[in-house]
PDB file of N, CA and C in Angstrom:
ATOM      1  N   MET A   1     109.652   6.016  38.077  1.00  0.00           N
ATOM      2  CA  MET A   1     109.788   7.271  37.936  1.00  0.00           C
ATOM      3  C   MET A   1     111.412   7.120  37.925  1.00  0.00           C
ATOM      4  N   GLN A   2     112.042   6.820  36.751  1.00  0.00           N
ATOM      5  CA  GLN A   2     114.302   6.020  36.368  1.00  0.00           C
ATOM      6  C   GLN A   2     114.760   7.201  36.791  1.00  0.00           C
ATOM      7  N   ASP A   3     115.612   6.547  37.271  1.00  0.00           N
ATOM      8  CA  ASP A   3     116.480   7.048  38.023  1.00  0.00           C
ATOM      9  C   ASP A   3     117.568   8.516  36.852  1.00  0.00           C
ATOM     10  N   SER A   4     117.774   6.843  35.791  1.00  0.00           N
ATOM     11  CA  SER A   4     118.675   7.866  35.051  1.00  0.00           C
ATOM     12  C   SER A   4     118.164   7.637  33.638  1.00  0.00           C
ATOM     13  N   VAL A   5     119.016   8.419  32.760  1.00  0.00           N
ATOM     14  CA  VAL A   5     117.706   8.666  31.167  1.00  0.00           C
ATOM     15  C   VAL A   5     118.811   8.128  29.858  1.00  0.00           C
ATOM     16  N   LYS A   6     118.503   7.143  29.684  1.00  0.00           N
ATOM     17  CA  LYS A   6     119.433   6.800  28.028  1.00  0.00           C
ATOM     18  C   LYS A   6     119.568   7.794  27.563  1.00  0.00           C
ATOM     19  N   ARG A   7     120.701   8.803  26.701  1.00  0.00           N
ATOM     20  CA  ARG A   7     120.089   9.651  26.461  1.00  0.00           C
ATOM     21  C   ARG A   7     120.886   9.129  24.790  1.00  0.00           C
ATOM     22  N   ASP A   8     119.445   8.195  23.700  1.00  0.00           N
ATOM     23  CA  ASP A   8     119.909   7.696  22.965  1.00  0.00           C
ATOM     24  C   ASP A   8     119.781   8.563  21.702  1.00  0.00           C
ATOM     25  N   ARG A   9     118.653   9.473  21.398  1.00  0.00           N
ATOM     26  CA  ARG A   9     118.206  10.060  20.819  1.00  0.00           C
ATOM     27  C   ARG A   9     118.303  11.704  20.406  1.00  0.00           C
ATOM     28  N   PHE A  10     118.068  11.847  19.239  1.00  0.00           N
ATOM     29  CA  PHE A  10     118.437  13.561  19.031  1.00  0.00           C
ATOM     30  C   PHE A  10     117.264  14.131  18.874  1.00  0.00           C
ATOM     31  N   ASP A  11     116.755  15.355  19.202  1.00  0.00           N
ATOM     32  CA  ASP A  11     116.251  16.316  18.963  1.00  0.00           C
ATOM     33  C   ASP A  11     114.801  16.648  17.926  1.00  0.00           C
ATOM     34  N   PHE A  12     115.703  16.083  17.012  1.00  0.00           N
ATOM     35  CA  PHE A  12     114.580  16.187  15.565  1.00  0.00           C
ATOM     36  C   PHE A  12     113.925  14.658  15.784  1.00  0.00           C
ATOM     37  N   GLU A  13     114.606  13.788  16.724  1.00  0.00           N
ATOM     38  CA  GLU A  13     113.579  12.221  16.285  1.00  0.00           C
ATOM     39  C   GLU A  13     112.806  13.018  17.212  1.00  0.00           C
ATOM     40  N   ILE A  14     113.170  13.295  18.487  1.00  0.00           N
ATOM     41  CA  ILE A  14     111.831  13.253  19.325  1.00  0.00           C
ATOM     42  C   ILE A  14     110.868  14.363  18.911  1.00  0.00           C
ATOM     43  N   GLY A  15     110.595  15.067  18.302  1.00  0.00           N
ATOM     44  CA  GLY A  15     110.001  15.905  17.751  1.00  0.00           C
ATOM     45  C   GLY A  15     109.811  17.688  18.584  1.00  0.00           C
ATOM     46  N   TYR A  16     108.498  17.584  19.678  1.00  0.00           N
ATOM     47  CA  TYR A  16     108.545  19.448  20.503  1.00  0.00           C
ATOM     48  C   TYR A  16     106.688  19.332  19.773  1.00  0.00           C
ATOM     49  N   LEU A  17     106.956  19.806  20.979  1.00  0.00           N
ATOM     50  CA  LEU A  17     105.252  20.048  22.005  1.00  0.00           C
ATOM     51  C   LEU A  17     104.685  21.576  21.410  1.00  0.00           C
ATOM     52  N   THR A  18     103.937  20.925  20.800  1.00  0.00           N
ATOM     53  CA  THR A  18     103.088  22.332  20.086  1.00  0.00           C
ATOM     54  C   THR A  18     101.921  22.961  20.892  1.00  0.00           C
ATOM     55  N   LYS A  19     101.494  21.681  21.733  1.00  0.00           N
ATOM     56  CA  LYS A  19     100.600  22.234  22.707  1.00  0.00           C
ATOM     57  C   LYS A  19     100.678  21.905  24.024  1.00  0.00           C
ATOM     58  N   SER A  20     100.061  22.344  24.980  1.00  0.00           N
ATOM     59  CA  SER A  20     100.396  21.413  26.200  1.00  0.00           C
ATOM     60  C   SER A  20      99.542  20.795  26.780  1.00  0.00           C
ATOM     61  N   PRO A  21      99.873  19.471  27.446  1.00  0.00           N
ATOM     62  CA  PRO A  21      98.467  18.011  27.577  1.00  0.00           C
ATOM     63  C   PRO A  21      97.396  18.750  28.800  1.00  0.00           C
ATOM     64  N   CYS A  22      98.076  19.927  29.491  1.00  0.00           N
ATOM     65  CA  CYS A  22      97.007  20.262  30.452  1.00  0.00           C
ATOM     66  C   CYS A  22      95.698  20.718  30.005  1.00  0.00           C
ATOM     67  N   LEU A  23      95.967  22.209  28.637  1.00  0.00           N
ATOM     68  CA  LEU A  23      95.631  22.173  28.271  1.00  0.00           C
ATOM     69  C   LEU A  23      93.559  21.102  27.844  1.00  0.00           C
ATOM     70  N   ARG A  24      93.618  20.367  27.867  1.00  0.00           N
ATOM     71  CA  ARG A  24      92.171  19.410  27.904  1.00  0.00           C
ATOM     72  C   ARG A  24      92.416  18.377  28.526  1.00  0.00           C
ATOM     73  N   CYS A  25      93.182  18.735  30.040  1.00  0.00           N
ATOM     74  CA  CYS A  25      92.940  17.758  30.932  1.00  0.00           C
ATOM     75  C   CYS A  25      92.078  17.368  31.851  1.00  0.00           C
ATOM     76  N   GLU A  26      91.645  16.689  32.675  1.00  0.00           N
ATOM     77  CA  GLU A  26      90.702  16.215  33.328  1.00  0.00           C
ATOM     78  C   GLU A  26      90.624  16.822  35.024  1.00  0.00           C
ATOM     79  N   GLU A  27      92.013  17.081  35.040  1.00  0.00           N
ATOM     80  CA  GLU A  27      92.277  17.811  36.277  1.00  0.00           C
ATOM     81  C   GLU A  27      93.466  19.261  36.252  1.00  0.00           C
ATOM     82  N   ARG A  28      92.513  19.539  34.808  1.00  0.00           N
ATOM     83  CA  ARG A  28      92.917  21.093  35.336  1.00  0.00           C
ATOM     84  C   ARG A  28      92.656  21.662  36.390  1.00  0.00           C
ATOM     85  N   ARG A  29      90.895  21.590  36.335  1.00  0.00           N
ATOM     86  CA  ARG A  29      90.504  22.206  37.877  1.00  0.00           C
ATOM     87  C   ARG A  29      91.407  22.708  39.199  1.00  0.00           C
ATOM     88  N   ARG A  30      92.335  21.731  39.262  1.00  0.00           N
ATOM     89  CA  ARG A  30      93.486  21.544  40.398  1.00  0.00           C
ATOM     90  C   ARG A  30      94.756  22.238  39.887  1.00  0.00           C
ATOM     91  N   PHE A  31      95.170  22.203  38.521  1.00  0.00           N
ATOM     92  CA  PHE A  31      96.051  23.361  37.833  1.00  0.00           C
ATOM     93  C   PHE A  31      96.637  23.787  38.676  1.00  0.00           C
ATOM     94  N   PRO A  32      98.075  24.787  38.988  1.00  0.00           N
ATOM     95  CA  PRO A  32      99.464  23.547  38.364  1.00  0.00           C
ATOM     96  C   PRO A  32      99.386  22.566  39.803  1.00  0.00           C
ATOM     97  N   LYS A  33      98.671  22.801  41.016  1.00  0.00           N
ATOM     98  CA  LYS A  33      99.171  21.495  42.160  1.00  0.00           C
ATOM     99  C   LYS A  33      98.966  20.735  41.592  1.00  0.00           C
ATOM    100  N   CYS A  34      98.492  19.948  40.156  1.00  0.00           N
ATOM    101  CA  CYS A  34      98.727  18.769  40.065  1.00  0.00           C
ATOM    102  C   CYS A  34      99.885  17.913  39.314  1.00  0.00           C
ATOM    103  N   PHE A  35     101.092  18.902  38.981  1.00  0.00           N
ATOM    104  CA  PHE A  35     102.279  18.422  38.224  1.00  0.00           C
ATOM    105  C   PHE A  35     102.489  17.676  38.748  1.00  0.00           C
ATOM    106  N   ALA A  36     103.022  17.117  40.035  1.00  0.00           N
ATOM    107  CA  ALA A  36     104.260  16.315  41.099  1.00  0.00           C
ATOM    108  C   ALA A  36     103.024  15.502  40.345  1.00  0.00           C
ATOM    109  N   LYS A  37     102.048  14.708  40.396  1.00  0.00           N
ATOM    110  CA  LYS A  37     101.503  13.211  40.400  1.00  0.00           C
ATOM    111  C   LYS A  37     100.879  13.448  39.140  1.00  0.00           C
ATOM    112  N   CYS A  38     101.122  14.351  38.503  1.00  0.00           N
ATOM    113  CA  CYS A  38     100.775  14.044  36.769  1.00  0.00           C
ATOM    114  C   CYS A  38     101.543  12.574  35.610  1.00  0.00           C
ATOM    115  N   ASN A  39     101.279  11.498  35.222  1.00  0.00           N
ATOM    116  CA  ASN A  39     101.095  10.882  34.572  1.00  0.00           C
ATOM    117  C   ASN A  39     102.059  11.314  33.018  1.00  0.00           C
ATOM    118  N   THR A  40     101.141  11.618  32.816  1.00  0.00           N
ATOM    119  CA  THR A  40     101.315  12.318  31.723  1.00  0.00           C
ATOM    120  C   THR A  40     103.223  13.331  31.493  1.00  0.00           C
ATOM    121  N   LEU A  41     102.879  14.318  32.084  1.00  0.00           N
ATOM    122  CA  LEU A  41     104.065  15.317  32.270  1.00  0.00           C
ATOM    123  C   LEU A  41     104.771  14.728  31.673  1.00  0.00           C
ATOM    124  N   ASP A  42     105.584  13.401  33.266  1.00  0.00           N
ATOM    125  CA  ASP A  42     106.319  13.137  33.414  1.00  0.00           C
ATOM    126  C   ASP A  42     106.931  11.427  32.965  1.00  0.00           C
ATOM    127  N   LYS A  43     105.728  11.934  31.887  1.00  0.00           N
ATOM    128  CA  LYS A  43     105.824  10.758  30.596  1.00  0.00           C
ATOM    129  C   LYS A  43     106.301  11.366  29.759  1.00  0.00           C
ATOM    130  N   LEU A  44     106.183  12.799  29.260  1.00  0.00           N
ATOM    131  CA  LEU A  44     106.786  13.650  29.283  1.00  0.00           C
ATOM    132  C   LEU A  44     108.599  14.184  28.941  1.00  0.00           C
ATOM    133  N   GLN A  45     108.856  14.470  30.217  1.00  0.00           N
ATOM    134  CA  GLN A  45     109.895  14.500  30.453  1.00  0.00           C
ATOM    135  C   GLN A  45     110.715  14.060  30.476  1.00  0.00           C
ATOM    136  N   THR A  46     110.747  13.025  30.301  1.00  0.00           N
ATOM    137  CA  THR A  46     111.477  11.588  30.882  1.00  0.00           C
ATOM    138  C   THR A  46     111.482  11.044  28.784  1.00  0.00           C
ATOM    139  N   MET A  47     110.182  11.935  28.384  1.00  0.00           N
ATOM    140  CA  MET A  47     111.060  11.615  26.933  1.00  0.00           C
ATOM    141  C   MET A  47     112.205  12.673  26.195  1.00  0.00           C
ATOM    142  N   LEU A  48     111.513  13.939  26.581  1.00  0.00           N
ATOM    143  CA  LEU A  48     112.349  14.628  26.307  1.00  0.00           C
ATOM    144  C   LEU A  48     113.901  14.876  27.062  1.00  0.00           C
ATOM    145  N   ALA A  49     114.355  14.562  28.202  1.00  0.00           N
ATOM    146  CA  ALA A  49     115.136  14.181  28.835  1.00  0.00           C
ATOM    147  C   ALA A  49     116.199  13.307  27.670  1.00  0.00           C
ATOM    148  N   ARG A  50     115.404  12.257  26.942  1.00  0.00           N
ATOM    149  CA  ARG A  50     116.893  10.918  26.379  1.00  0.00           C
ATOM    150  C   ARG A  50     116.407  11.587  25.275  1.00  0.00           C
ATOM    151  N   GLY A  51     116.612  12.493  24.673  1.00  0.00           N
ATOM    152  CA  GLY A  51     117.104  13.977  23.569  1.00  0.00           C
ATOM    153  C   GLY A  51     117.948  14.177  23.416  1.00  0.00           C
ATOM    154  N   ILE A  52     119.221  14.519  22.880  1.00  0.00           N
ATOM    155  CA  ILE A  52     120.287  14.962  22.883  1.00  0.00           C
ATOM    156  C   ILE A  52     120.161  16.307  21.880  1.00  0.00           C
ATOM    157  N   SER A  53     120.673  17.633  22.198  1.00  0.00           N
ATOM    158  CA  SER A  53     120.886  18.253  21.040  1.00  0.00           C
ATOM    159  C   SER A  53     121.200  18.754  20.139  1.00  0.00           C
ATOM    160  N   SER A  54     120.606  18.653  18.576  1.00  0.00           N
ATOM    161  CA  SER A  54     121.205  19.221  17.513  1.00  0.00           C
ATOM    162  C   SER A  54     121.485  20.428  17.067  1.00  0.00           C
ATOM    163  N   GLN A  55     121.679  20.411  18.439  1.00  0.00           N
ATOM    164  CA  GLN A  55     122.820  22.767  18.064  1.00  0.00           C
ATOM    165  C   GLN A  55     123.647  22.239  18.687  1.00  0.00           C
ATOM    166  N   SER A  56     124.836  23.012  18.321  1.00  0.00           N
ATOM    167  CA  SER A  56     126.249  23.091  19.453  1.00  0.00           C
ATOM    168  C   SER A  56     125.965  23.926  20.836  1.00  0.00           C
ATOM    169  N   SER A  57     126.210  23.227  21.246  1.00  0.00           N
ATOM    170  CA  SER A  57     126.080  25.158  22.464  1.00  0.00           C
ATOM    171  C   SER A  57     128.162  25.497  22.574  1.00  0.00           C
ATOM    172  N   SER A  58     128.792  25.677  21.743  1.00  0.00           N
ATOM    173  CA  SER A  58     129.713  25.672  21.711  1.00  0.00           C
ATOM    174  C   SER A  58     130.080  26.632  20.694  1.00  0.00           C
ATOM    175  N   TYR A  59     130.174  27.714  21.100  1.00  0.00           N
ATOM    176  CA  TYR A  59     130.649  28.523  19.719  1.00  0.00           C
ATOM    177  C   TYR A  59     130.241  29.680  20.169  1.00  0.00           C
ATOM    178  N   GLU A  60     131.579  31.282  19.421  1.00  0.00           N
ATOM    179  CA  GLU A  60     131.737  31.980  20.528  1.00  0.00           C
ATOM    180  C   GLU A  60     130.752  33.065  19.556  1.00  0.00           C
ATOM    181  N   SER A  61     130.221  34.217  20.183  1.00  0.00           N
ATOM    182  CA  SER A  61     129.986  34.790  19.655  1.00  0.00           C
ATOM    183  C   SER A  61     130.391  36.608  19.338  1.00  0.00           C
TER     184      SER A  61
END
């Protein structure tokens, strides 16, 4: 696992999940204890962490 993530893509370039990869996982019977050692979730989290939000977070309501 990487210590730092290069944030170089916008969230609309990465996309979003429409279905959890856990639903068809062979390790589903161990859910949720399997999270810590799951390579698929680690890759997804790293990919999503690279994203920069395309929405402004500095607005007044």
